[in-house]
PDB file of N, CA and C in Angstrom:
ATOM      1  N   UNK A   1     178.891  14.343  49.258  1.00  0.00           N
ATOM      2  CA  UNK A   1     177.680  15.108  49.494  1.00  0.00           C
ATOM      3  C   UNK A   1     176.747  14.357  50.449  1.00  0.00           C
ATOM      4  N   UNK A   2     176.710  13.039  50.331  1.00  0.00           N
ATOM      5  CA  UNK A   2     175.808  12.268  51.201  1.00  0.00           C
ATOM      6  C   UNK A   2     176.156  12.460  52.676  1.00  0.00           C
ATOM      7  N   UNK A   3     177.446  12.491  52.999  1.00  0.00           N
ATOM      8  CA  UNK A   3     177.858  12.674  54.396  1.00  0.00           C
ATOM      9  C   UNK A   3     177.453  14.056  54.907  1.00  0.00           C
ATOM     10  N   UNK A   4     177.584  15.068  54.054  1.00  0.00           N
ATOM     11  CA  UNK A   4     177.205  16.432  54.443  1.00  0.00           C
ATOM     12  C   UNK A   4     175.705  16.508  54.692  1.00  0.00           C
ATOM     13  N   UNK A   5     174.919  15.976  53.770  1.00  0.00           N
ATOM     14  CA  UNK A   5     173.455  16.023  53.912  1.00  0.00           C
ATOM     15  C   UNK A   5     173.018  15.228  55.132  1.00  0.00           C
ATOM     16  N   UNK A   6     173.602  14.064  55.346  1.00  0.00           N
ATOM     17  CA  UNK A   6     173.274  13.248  56.507  1.00  0.00           C
ATOM     18  C   UNK A   6     173.510  14.043  57.792  1.00  0.00           C
ATOM     19  N   UNK A   7     174.675  14.673  57.884  1.00  0.00           N
ATOM     20  CA  UNK A   7     175.031  15.472  59.052  1.00  0.00           C
ATOM     21  C   UNK A   7     174.092  16.670  59.193  1.00  0.00           C
ATOM     22  N   UNK A   8     173.857  17.381  58.086  1.00  0.00           N
ATOM     23  CA  UNK A   8     173.027  18.582  58.139  1.00  0.00           C
ATOM     24  C   UNK A   8     171.593  18.262  58.568  1.00  0.00           C
ATOM     25  N   UNK A   9     171.006  17.213  58.024  1.00  0.00           N
ATOM     26  CA  UNK A   9     169.625  16.858  58.397  1.00  0.00           C
ATOM     27  C   UNK A   9     169.557  16.459  59.868  1.00  0.00           C
ATOM     28  N   UNK A  10     170.557  15.735  60.349  1.00  0.00           N
ATOM     29  CA  UNK A  10     170.591  15.401  61.778  1.00  0.00           C
ATOM     30  C   UNK A  10     170.685  16.671  62.624  1.00  0.00           C
ATOM     31  N   UNK A  11     171.505  17.625  62.167  1.00  0.00           N
ATOM     32  CA  UNK A  11     171.615  18.905  62.885  1.00  0.00           C
ATOM     33  C   UNK A  11     170.275  19.641  62.866  1.00  0.00           C
ATOM     34  N   UNK A  12     169.610  19.660  61.714  1.00  0.00           N
ATOM     35  CA  UNK A  12     168.311  20.332  61.609  1.00  0.00           C
ATOM     36  C   UNK A  12     167.313  19.724  62.590  1.00  0.00           C
ATOM     37  N   UNK A  13     167.273  18.408  62.653  1.00  0.00           N
ATOM     38  CA  UNK A  13     166.306  17.722  63.514  1.00  0.00           C
ATOM     39  C   UNK A  13     166.565  18.013  64.996  1.00  0.00           C
ATOM     40  N   UNK A  14     167.819  18.316  65.347  1.00  0.00           N
ATOM     41  CA  UNK A  14     168.179  18.606  66.735  1.00  0.00           C
ATOM     42  C   UNK A  14     168.191  20.106  67.044  1.00  0.00           C
ATOM     43  N   UNK A  15     168.113  20.936  66.033  1.00  0.00           N
ATOM     44  CA  UNK A  15     168.181  22.384  66.196  1.00  0.00           C
ATOM     45  C   UNK A  15     166.830  22.890  66.706  1.00  0.00           C
ATOM     46  N   UNK A  16     166.797  23.561  67.859  1.00  0.00           N
ATOM     47  CA  UNK A  16     165.507  24.032  68.396  1.00  0.00           C
ATOM     48  C   UNK A  16     164.721  24.919  67.420  1.00  0.00           C
ATOM     49  N   UNK A  17     165.414  25.641  66.559  1.00  0.00           N
ATOM     50  CA  UNK A  17     164.726  26.503  65.598  1.00  0.00           C
ATOM     51  C   UNK A  17     164.080  25.709  64.468  1.00  0.00           C
ATOM     52  N   UNK A  18     164.545  24.482  64.242  1.00  0.00           N
ATOM     53  CA  UNK A  18     164.058  23.682  63.120  1.00  0.00           C
ATOM     54  C   UNK A  18     163.369  22.386  63.532  1.00  0.00           C
ATOM     55  N   UNK A  19     163.635  21.920  64.733  1.00  0.00           N
ATOM     56  CA  UNK A  19     163.122  20.612  65.177  1.00  0.00           C
ATOM     57  C   UNK A  19     161.620  20.442  64.951  1.00  0.00           C
ATOM     58  N   UNK A  20     160.792  21.462  65.218  1.00  0.00           N
ATOM     59  CA  UNK A  20     159.349  21.261  64.975  1.00  0.00           C
ATOM     60  C   UNK A  20     159.025  20.942  63.512  1.00  0.00           C
ATOM     61  N   UNK A  21     159.821  21.465  62.580  1.00  0.00           N
ATOM     62  CA  UNK A  21     159.583  21.196  61.158  1.00  0.00           C
ATOM     63  C   UNK A  21     159.984  19.770  60.777  1.00  0.00           C
ATOM     64  N   UNK A  22     160.908  19.199  61.511  1.00  0.00           N
ATOM     65  CA  UNK A  22     161.430  17.879  61.180  1.00  0.00           C
ATOM     66  C   UNK A  22     160.788  16.764  61.998  1.00  0.00           C
ATOM     67  N   UNK A  23     160.052  17.142  63.032  1.00  0.00           N
ATOM     68  CA  UNK A  23     159.378  16.163  63.879  1.00  0.00           C
ATOM     69  C   UNK A  23     158.354  15.383  63.046  1.00  0.00           C
ATOM     70  N   UNK A  24     158.453  14.078  63.079  1.00  0.00           N
ATOM     71  CA  UNK A  24     157.509  13.231  62.355  1.00  0.00           C
ATOM     72  C   UNK A  24     157.815  13.063  60.884  1.00  0.00           C
ATOM     73  N   UNK A  25     158.864  13.693  60.399  1.00  0.00           N
ATOM     74  CA  UNK A  25     159.243  13.551  58.983  1.00  0.00           C
ATOM     75  C   UNK A  25     160.099  12.303  58.809  1.00  0.00           C
ATOM     76  N   UNK A  26     160.083  11.770  57.620  1.00  0.00           N
ATOM     77  CA  UNK A  26     160.904  10.613  57.263  1.00  0.00           C
ATOM     78  C   UNK A  26     162.320  11.122  56.966  1.00  0.00           C
ATOM     79  N   UNK A  27     163.180  11.120  57.987  1.00  0.00           N
ATOM     80  CA  UNK A  27     164.518  11.686  57.828  1.00  0.00           C
ATOM     81  C   UNK A  27     165.348  10.978  56.767  1.00  0.00           C
ATOM     82  N   UNK A  28     165.329   9.647  56.678  1.00  0.00           N
ATOM     83  CA  UNK A  28     166.074   9.013  55.587  1.00  0.00           C
ATOM     84  C   UNK A  28     165.600   9.471  54.205  1.00  0.00           C
ATOM     85  N   UNK A  29     164.289   9.655  54.051  1.00  0.00           N
ATOM     86  CA  UNK A  29     163.759  10.133  52.773  1.00  0.00           C
ATOM     87  C   UNK A  29     164.211  11.570  52.517  1.00  0.00           C
ATOM     88  N   UNK A  30     164.186  12.422  53.536  1.00  0.00           N
ATOM     89  CA  UNK A  30     164.650  13.801  53.375  1.00  0.00           C
ATOM     90  C   UNK A  30     166.136  13.850  53.029  1.00  0.00           C
ATOM     91  N   UNK A  31     166.911  12.956  53.633  1.00  0.00           N
ATOM     92  CA  UNK A  31     168.344  12.898  53.326  1.00  0.00           C
ATOM     93  C   UNK A  31     168.559  12.493  51.870  1.00  0.00           C
ATOM     94  N   UNK A  32     167.829  11.490  51.404  1.00  0.00           N
ATOM     95  CA  UNK A  32     167.963  11.053  50.009  1.00  0.00           C
ATOM     96  C   UNK A  32     167.548  12.173  49.062  1.00  0.00           C
ATOM     97  N   UNK A  33     166.468  12.866  49.387  1.00  0.00           N
ATOM     98  CA  UNK A  33     166.020  13.992  48.579  1.00  0.00           C
ATOM     99  C   UNK A  33     167.087  15.081  48.552  1.00  0.00           C
ATOM    100  N   UNK A  34     167.661  15.380  49.708  1.00  0.00           N
ATOM    101  CA  UNK A  34     168.702  16.400  49.792  1.00  0.00           C
ATOM    102  C   UNK A  34     169.911  16.065  48.938  1.00  0.00           C
ATOM    103  N   UNK A  35     170.343  14.815  48.973  1.00  0.00           N
ATOM    104  CA  UNK A  35     171.480  14.388  48.151  1.00  0.00           C
ATOM    105  C   UNK A  35     171.154  14.548  46.677  1.00  0.00           C
ATOM    106  N   UNK A  36     169.956  14.143  46.274  1.00  0.00           N
ATOM    107  CA  UNK A  36     169.552  14.267  44.863  1.00  0.00           C
ATOM    108  C   UNK A  36     169.505  15.718  44.418  1.00  0.00           C
ATOM    109  N   UNK A  37     168.883  16.566  45.228  1.00  0.00           N
ATOM    110  CA  UNK A  37     168.733  17.977  44.865  1.00  0.00           C
ATOM    111  C   UNK A  37     170.093  18.651  44.782  1.00  0.00           C
ATOM    112  N   UNK A  38     170.930  18.461  45.799  1.00  0.00           N
ATOM    113  CA  UNK A  38     172.239  19.116  45.780  1.00  0.00           C
ATOM    114  C   UNK A  38     173.132  18.561  44.686  1.00  0.00           C
ATOM    115  N   UNK A  39     173.069  17.274  44.441  1.00  0.00           N
ATOM    116  CA  UNK A  39     173.869  16.697  43.354  1.00  0.00           C
ATOM    117  C   UNK A  39     173.486  17.330  42.022  1.00  0.00           C
ATOM    118  N   UNK A  40     172.205  17.448  41.777  1.00  0.00           N
ATOM    119  CA  UNK A  40     171.741  18.036  40.518  1.00  0.00           C
ATOM    120  C   UNK A  40     172.136  19.503  40.417  1.00  0.00           C
ATOM    121  N   UNK A  41     171.963  20.239  41.486  1.00  0.00           N
ATOM    122  CA  UNK A  41     172.258  21.679  41.455  1.00  0.00           C
ATOM    123  C   UNK A  41     173.746  21.972  41.401  1.00  0.00           C
ATOM    124  N   UNK A  42     174.557  21.013  41.843  1.00  0.00           N
ATOM    125  CA  UNK A  42     176.007  21.195  41.794  1.00  0.00           C
ATOM    126  C   UNK A  42     176.612  20.572  40.545  1.00  0.00           C
ATOM    127  N   UNK A  43     175.762  20.115  39.630  1.00  0.00           N
ATOM    128  CA  UNK A  43     176.257  19.556  38.377  1.00  0.00           C
ATOM    129  C   UNK A  43     176.709  18.113  38.489  1.00  0.00           C
ATOM    130  N   UNK A  44     176.210  17.419  39.503  1.00  0.00           N
ATOM    131  CA  UNK A  44     176.598  16.032  39.719  1.00  0.00           C
ATOM    132  C   UNK A  44     175.885  15.078  38.794  1.00  0.00           C
ATOM    133  N   UNK A  45     175.946  13.797  39.122  1.00  0.00           N
ATOM    134  CA  UNK A  45     175.421  12.775  38.229  1.00  0.00           C
ATOM    135  C   UNK A  45     173.903  12.760  38.088  1.00  0.00           C
ATOM    136  N   UNK A  46     173.198  13.393  39.004  1.00  0.00           N
ATOM    137  CA  UNK A  46     171.734  13.400  38.919  1.00  0.00           C
ATOM    138  C   UNK A  46     171.277  14.480  37.963  1.00  0.00           C
ATOM    139  N   UNK A  47     170.303  14.162  37.143  1.00  0.00           N
ATOM    140  CA  UNK A  47     169.708  15.187  36.292  1.00  0.00           C
ATOM    141  C   UNK A  47     168.723  15.983  37.126  1.00  0.00           C
ATOM    142  N   UNK A  48     168.296  17.125  36.614  1.00  0.00           N
ATOM    143  CA  UNK A  48     167.339  17.936  37.365  1.00  0.00           C
ATOM    144  C   UNK A  48     166.013  17.200  37.538  1.00  0.00           C
ATOM    145  N   UNK A  49     165.665  16.329  36.586  1.00  0.00           N
ATOM    146  CA  UNK A  49     164.430  15.554  36.729  1.00  0.00           C
ATOM    147  C   UNK A  49     164.555  14.548  37.871  1.00  0.00           C
ATOM    148  N   UNK A  50     165.771  14.003  38.058  1.00  0.00           N
ATOM    149  CA  UNK A  50     165.975  13.013  39.116  1.00  0.00           C
ATOM    150  C   UNK A  50     166.082  13.663  40.476  1.00  0.00           C
ATOM    151  N   UNK A  51     166.249  14.979  40.506  1.00  0.00           N
ATOM    152  CA  UNK A  51     166.468  15.662  41.776  1.00  0.00           C
ATOM    153  C   UNK A  51     165.236  15.664  42.654  1.00  0.00           C
ATOM    154  N   UNK A  52     164.077  15.479  42.064  1.00  0.00           N
ATOM    155  CA  UNK A  52     162.870  15.484  42.857  1.00  0.00           C
ATOM    156  C   UNK A  52     162.454  16.901  43.200  1.00  0.00           C
ATOM    157  N   UNK A  53     161.456  17.034  44.029  1.00  0.00           N
ATOM    158  CA  UNK A  53     160.941  18.352  44.352  1.00  0.00           C
ATOM    159  C   UNK A  53     161.905  19.137  45.227  1.00  0.00           C
ATOM    160  N   UNK A  54     161.799  20.454  45.145  1.00  0.00           N
ATOM    161  CA  UNK A  54     162.553  21.310  46.054  1.00  0.00           C
ATOM    162  C   UNK A  54     162.000  21.083  47.453  1.00  0.00           C
ATOM    163  N   UNK A  55     162.774  21.412  48.491  1.00  0.00           N
ATOM    164  CA  UNK A  55     162.276  21.207  49.850  1.00  0.00           C
ATOM    165  C   UNK A  55     160.916  21.829  50.100  1.00  0.00           C
ATOM    166  N   UNK A  56     160.644  23.005  49.515  1.00  0.00           N
ATOM    167  CA  UNK A  56     159.332  23.624  49.720  1.00  0.00           C
ATOM    168  C   UNK A  56     158.222  22.777  49.121  1.00  0.00           C
ATOM    169  N   UNK A  57     158.513  22.077  48.036  1.00  0.00           N
ATOM    170  CA  UNK A  57     157.516  21.209  47.408  1.00  0.00           C
ATOM    171  C   UNK A  57     157.363  19.898  48.162  1.00  0.00           C
ATOM    172  N   UNK A  58     158.333  19.581  49.009  1.00  0.00           N
ATOM    173  CA  UNK A  58     158.268  18.358  49.810  1.00  0.00           C
ATOM    174  C   UNK A  58     157.692  18.651  51.194  1.00  0.00           C
ATOM    175  N   UNK A  59     157.039  19.804  51.334  1.00  0.00           N
ATOM    176  CA  UNK A  59     156.441  20.158  52.611  1.00  0.00           C
ATOM    177  C   UNK A  59     157.420  20.829  53.552  1.00  0.00           C
ATOM    178  N   UNK A  60     158.549  21.284  53.045  1.00  0.00           N
ATOM    179  CA  UNK A  60     159.566  21.917  53.876  1.00  0.00           C
ATOM    180  C   UNK A  60     159.714  23.367  53.426  1.00  0.00           C
ATOM    181  N   UNK A  61     158.954  24.247  54.008  1.00  0.00           N
ATOM    182  CA  UNK A  61     159.028  25.669  53.689  1.00  0.00           C
ATOM    183  C   UNK A  61     159.612  26.378  54.901  1.00  0.00           C
ATOM    184  N   UNK A  62     160.598  27.261  54.667  1.00  0.00           N
ATOM    185  CA  UNK A  62     161.311  27.887  55.765  1.00  0.00           C
ATOM    186  C   UNK A  62     161.067  29.388  55.807  1.00  0.00           C
ATOM    187  N   UNK A  63     160.858  29.912  57.009  1.00  0.00           N
ATOM    188  CA  UNK A  63     160.815  31.357  57.222  1.00  0.00           C
ATOM    189  C   UNK A  63     162.245  31.880  57.087  1.00  0.00           C
ATOM    190  N   UNK A  64     162.435  33.196  57.007  1.00  0.00           N
ATOM    191  CA  UNK A  64     163.804  33.722  56.946  1.00  0.00           C
ATOM    192  C   UNK A  64     164.670  33.270  58.125  1.00  0.00           C
ATOM    193  N   UNK A  65     164.119  33.254  59.335  1.00  0.00           N
ATOM    194  CA  UNK A  65     164.895  32.809  60.500  1.00  0.00           C
ATOM    195  C   UNK A  65     165.226  31.317  60.407  1.00  0.00           C
ATOM    196  N   UNK A  66     164.268  30.526  59.937  1.00  0.00           N
ATOM    197  CA  UNK A  66     164.519  29.094  59.771  1.00  0.00           C
ATOM    198  C   UNK A  66     165.549  28.852  58.677  1.00  0.00           C
ATOM    199  N   UNK A  67     165.467  29.617  57.595  1.00  0.00           N
ATOM    200  CA  UNK A  67     166.456  29.479  56.529  1.00  0.00           C
ATOM    201  C   UNK A  67     167.855  29.771  57.066  1.00  0.00           C
ATOM    202  N   UNK A  68     167.984  30.776  57.914  1.00  0.00           N
ATOM    203  CA  UNK A  68     169.289  31.084  58.496  1.00  0.00           C
ATOM    204  C   UNK A  68     169.786  29.915  59.344  1.00  0.00           C
ATOM    205  N   UNK A  69     168.879  29.267  60.079  1.00  0.00           N
ATOM    206  CA  UNK A  69     169.261  28.097  60.876  1.00  0.00           C
ATOM    207  C   UNK A  69     169.700  26.951  59.966  1.00  0.00           C
ATOM    208  N   UNK A  70     169.009  26.768  58.837  1.00  0.00           N
ATOM    209  CA  UNK A  70     169.396  25.749  57.852  1.00  0.00           C
ATOM    210  C   UNK A  70     170.801  26.046  57.333  1.00  0.00           C
ATOM    211  N   UNK A  71     171.038  27.304  56.966  1.00  0.00           N
ATOM    212  CA  UNK A  71     172.354  27.706  56.446  1.00  0.00           C
ATOM    213  C   UNK A  71     173.431  27.479  57.502  1.00  0.00           C
ATOM    214  N   UNK A  72     173.164  27.847  58.743  1.00  0.00           N
ATOM    215  CA  UNK A  72     174.143  27.660  59.814  1.00  0.00           C
ATOM    216  C   UNK A  72     174.474  26.182  60.004  1.00  0.00           C
ATOM    217  N   UNK A  73     173.444  25.339  60.033  1.00  0.00           N
ATOM    218  CA  UNK A  73     173.670  23.892  60.189  1.00  0.00           C
ATOM    219  C   UNK A  73     174.448  23.331  59.004  1.00  0.00           C
ATOM    220  N   UNK A  74     174.077  23.738  57.794  1.00  0.00           N
ATOM    221  CA  UNK A  74     174.757  23.251  56.594  1.00  0.00           C
ATOM    222  C   UNK A  74     176.218  23.704  56.587  1.00  0.00           C
ATOM    223  N   UNK A  75     176.452  24.946  56.975  1.00  0.00           N
ATOM    224  CA  UNK A  75     177.821  25.464  57.021  1.00  0.00           C
ATOM    225  C   UNK A  75     178.679  24.636  57.960  1.00  0.00           C
ATOM    226  N   UNK A  76     178.160  24.312  59.129  1.00  0.00           N
ATOM    227  CA  UNK A  76     178.923  23.493  60.080  1.00  0.00           C
ATOM    228  C   UNK A  76     179.171  22.091  59.527  1.00  0.00           C
ATOM    229  N   UNK A  77     178.165  21.515  58.881  1.00  0.00           N
ATOM    230  CA  UNK A  77     178.329  20.179  58.290  1.00  0.00           C
ATOM    231  C   UNK A  77     179.396  20.212  57.196  1.00  0.00           C
ATOM    232  N   UNK A  78     179.395  21.253  56.381  1.00  0.00           N
ATOM    233  CA  UNK A  78     180.393  21.385  55.314  1.00  0.00           C
ATOM    234  C   UNK A  78     181.796  21.563  55.887  1.00  0.00           C
ATOM    235  N   UNK A  79     181.912  22.370  56.929  1.00  0.00           N
ATOM    236  CA  UNK A  79     183.218  22.566  57.583  1.00  0.00           C
ATOM    237  C   UNK A  79     183.749  21.252  58.135  1.00  0.00           C
ATOM    238  N   UNK A  80     182.881  20.482  58.761  1.00  0.00           N
ATOM    239  CA  UNK A  80     183.312  19.211  59.340  1.00  0.00           C
ATOM    240  C   UNK A  80     183.776  18.224  58.274  1.00  0.00           C
ATOM    241  N   UNK A  81     183.279  18.386  57.049  1.00  0.00           N
ATOM    242  CA  UNK A  81     183.720  17.521  55.945  1.00  0.00           C
ATOM    243  C   UNK A  81     184.963  18.075  55.257  1.00  0.00           C
ATOM    244  N   UNK A  82     185.481  19.204  55.764  1.00  0.00           N
ATOM    245  CA  UNK A  82     186.732  19.731  55.256  1.00  0.00           C
ATOM    246  C   UNK A  82     186.626  20.657  54.056  1.00  0.00           C
ATOM    247  N   UNK A  83     185.423  21.128  53.736  1.00  0.00           N
ATOM    248  CA  UNK A  83     185.298  22.057  52.617  1.00  0.00           C
ATOM    249  C   UNK A  83     185.822  23.433  53.012  1.00  0.00           C
ATOM    250  N   UNK A  84     186.358  24.143  52.029  1.00  0.00           N
ATOM    251  CA  UNK A  84     186.895  25.472  52.253  1.00  0.00           C
ATOM    252  C   UNK A  84     185.831  26.547  52.148  1.00  0.00           C
ATOM    253  N   UNK A  85     186.236  27.764  52.464  1.00  0.00           N
ATOM    254  CA  UNK A  85     185.311  28.890  52.495  1.00  0.00           C
ATOM    255  C   UNK A  85     184.669  29.151  51.135  1.00  0.00           C
ATOM    256  N   UNK A  86     185.422  29.010  50.056  1.00  0.00           N
ATOM    257  CA  UNK A  86     184.873  29.275  48.719  1.00  0.00           C
ATOM    258  C   UNK A  86     183.772  28.267  48.396  1.00  0.00           C
ATOM    259  N   UNK A  87     184.036  26.998  48.621  1.00  0.00           N
ATOM    260  CA  UNK A  87     183.041  25.963  48.337  1.00  0.00           C
ATOM    261  C   UNK A  87     181.813  26.129  49.225  1.00  0.00           C
ATOM    262  N   UNK A  88     182.043  26.441  50.494  1.00  0.00           N
ATOM    263  CA  UNK A  88     180.923  26.648  51.411  1.00  0.00           C
ATOM    264  C   UNK A  88     180.079  27.827  50.933  1.00  0.00           C
ATOM    265  N   UNK A  89     180.730  28.895  50.519  1.00  0.00           N
ATOM    266  CA  UNK A  89     180.010  30.063  50.017  1.00  0.00           C
ATOM    267  C   UNK A  89     179.150  29.732  48.814  1.00  0.00           C
ATOM    268  N   UNK A  90     179.667  28.907  47.906  1.00  0.00           N
ATOM    269  CA  UNK A  90     178.894  28.517  46.724  1.00  0.00           C
ATOM    270  C   UNK A  90     177.645  27.736  47.120  1.00  0.00           C
ATOM    271  N   UNK A  91     177.791  26.839  48.066  1.00  0.00           N
ATOM    272  CA  UNK A  91     176.650  26.025  48.497  1.00  0.00           C
ATOM    273  C   UNK A  91     175.643  26.873  49.263  1.00  0.00           C
ATOM    274  N   UNK A  92     176.123  27.771  50.107  1.00  0.00           N
ATOM    275  CA  UNK A  92     175.216  28.679  50.818  1.00  0.00           C
ATOM    276  C   UNK A  92     174.438  29.528  49.819  1.00  0.00           C
ATOM    277  N   UNK A  93     175.099  29.990  48.777  1.00  0.00           N
ATOM    278  CA  UNK A  93     174.397  30.761  47.743  1.00  0.00           C
ATOM    279  C   UNK A  93     173.305  29.925  47.087  1.00  0.00           C
ATOM    280  N   UNK A  94     173.565  28.641  46.882  1.00  0.00           N
ATOM    281  CA  UNK A  94     172.526  27.764  46.327  1.00  0.00           C
ATOM    282  C   UNK A  94     171.324  27.668  47.258  1.00  0.00           C
ATOM    283  N   UNK A  95     171.583  27.609  48.555  1.00  0.00           N
ATOM    284  CA  UNK A  95     170.479  27.543  49.516  1.00  0.00           C
ATOM    285  C   UNK A  95     169.613  28.796  49.435  1.00  0.00           C
ATOM    286  N   UNK A  96     170.257  29.951  49.399  1.00  0.00           N
ATOM    287  CA  UNK A  96     169.498  31.197  49.303  1.00  0.00           C
ATOM    288  C   UNK A  96     168.788  31.314  47.954  1.00  0.00           C
ATOM    289  N   UNK A  97     169.435  30.877  46.887  1.00  0.00           N
ATOM    290  CA  UNK A  97     168.818  30.933  45.557  1.00  0.00           C
ATOM    291  C   UNK A  97     167.604  30.019  45.490  1.00  0.00           C
ATOM    292  N   UNK A  98     167.688  28.844  46.101  1.00  0.00           N
ATOM    293  CA  UNK A  98     166.563  27.913  46.091  1.00  0.00           C
ATOM    294  C   UNK A  98     165.356  28.505  46.808  1.00  0.00           C
ATOM    295  N   UNK A  99     165.600  29.311  47.824  1.00  0.00           N
ATOM    296  CA  UNK A  99     164.517  29.966  48.570  1.00  0.00           C
ATOM    297  C   UNK A  99     163.766  30.935  47.664  1.00  0.00           C
ATOM    298  N   UNK A 100     164.498  31.560  46.747  1.00  0.00           N
ATOM    299  CA  UNK A 100     163.892  32.574  45.885  1.00  0.00           C
ATOM    300  C   UNK A 100     163.209  31.985  44.657  1.00  0.00           C
ATOM    301  N   UNK A 101     163.461  30.692  44.385  1.00  0.00           N
ATOM    302  CA  UNK A 101     162.871  30.064  43.201  1.00  0.00           C
ATOM    303  C   UNK A 101     161.395  29.776  43.418  1.00  0.00           C
ATOM    304  N   UNK A 102     160.598  29.891  42.356  1.00  0.00           N
ATOM    305  CA  UNK A 102     159.194  29.501  42.485  1.00  0.00           C
ATOM    306  C   UNK A 102     159.093  27.986  42.622  1.00  0.00           C
ATOM    307  N   UNK A 103     158.032  27.486  43.246  1.00  0.00           N
ATOM    308  CA  UNK A 103     157.863  26.035  43.371  1.00  0.00           C
ATOM    309  C   UNK A 103     157.795  25.368  42.014  1.00  0.00           C
ATOM    310  N   UNK A 104     158.232  24.110  41.981  1.00  0.00           N
ATOM    311  CA  UNK A 104     158.136  23.318  40.751  1.00  0.00           C
ATOM    312  C   UNK A 104     156.680  22.990  40.481  1.00  0.00           C
ATOM    313  N   UNK A 105     156.278  22.901  39.204  1.00  0.00           N
ATOM    314  CA  UNK A 105     154.870  22.575  38.889  1.00  0.00           C
ATOM    315  C   UNK A 105     154.529  21.161  39.305  1.00  0.00           C
TER     316      UNK A 105
END
């Protein structure tokens, strides 16, 4: 998961649709947050408490077009790591579900 998140965040920072949101952000911190959040949501070793805030709570709120760019970048990162269509679909669904969740208190 760390390799996927590392790749995806780098793609986001270089993506013209997302670059303004990532400009000036602490990318290593965002990568660590991403690994924690995805690990927890995928049933990994991190508990939900250890996952930290959702991206929207970390100052990362995406419009529908930006969310699509996030999904596209993540999909490419997952493909490059050799994940299949079923696994990619599950992770993409998590991205869309996270968008619909209310912010953490």
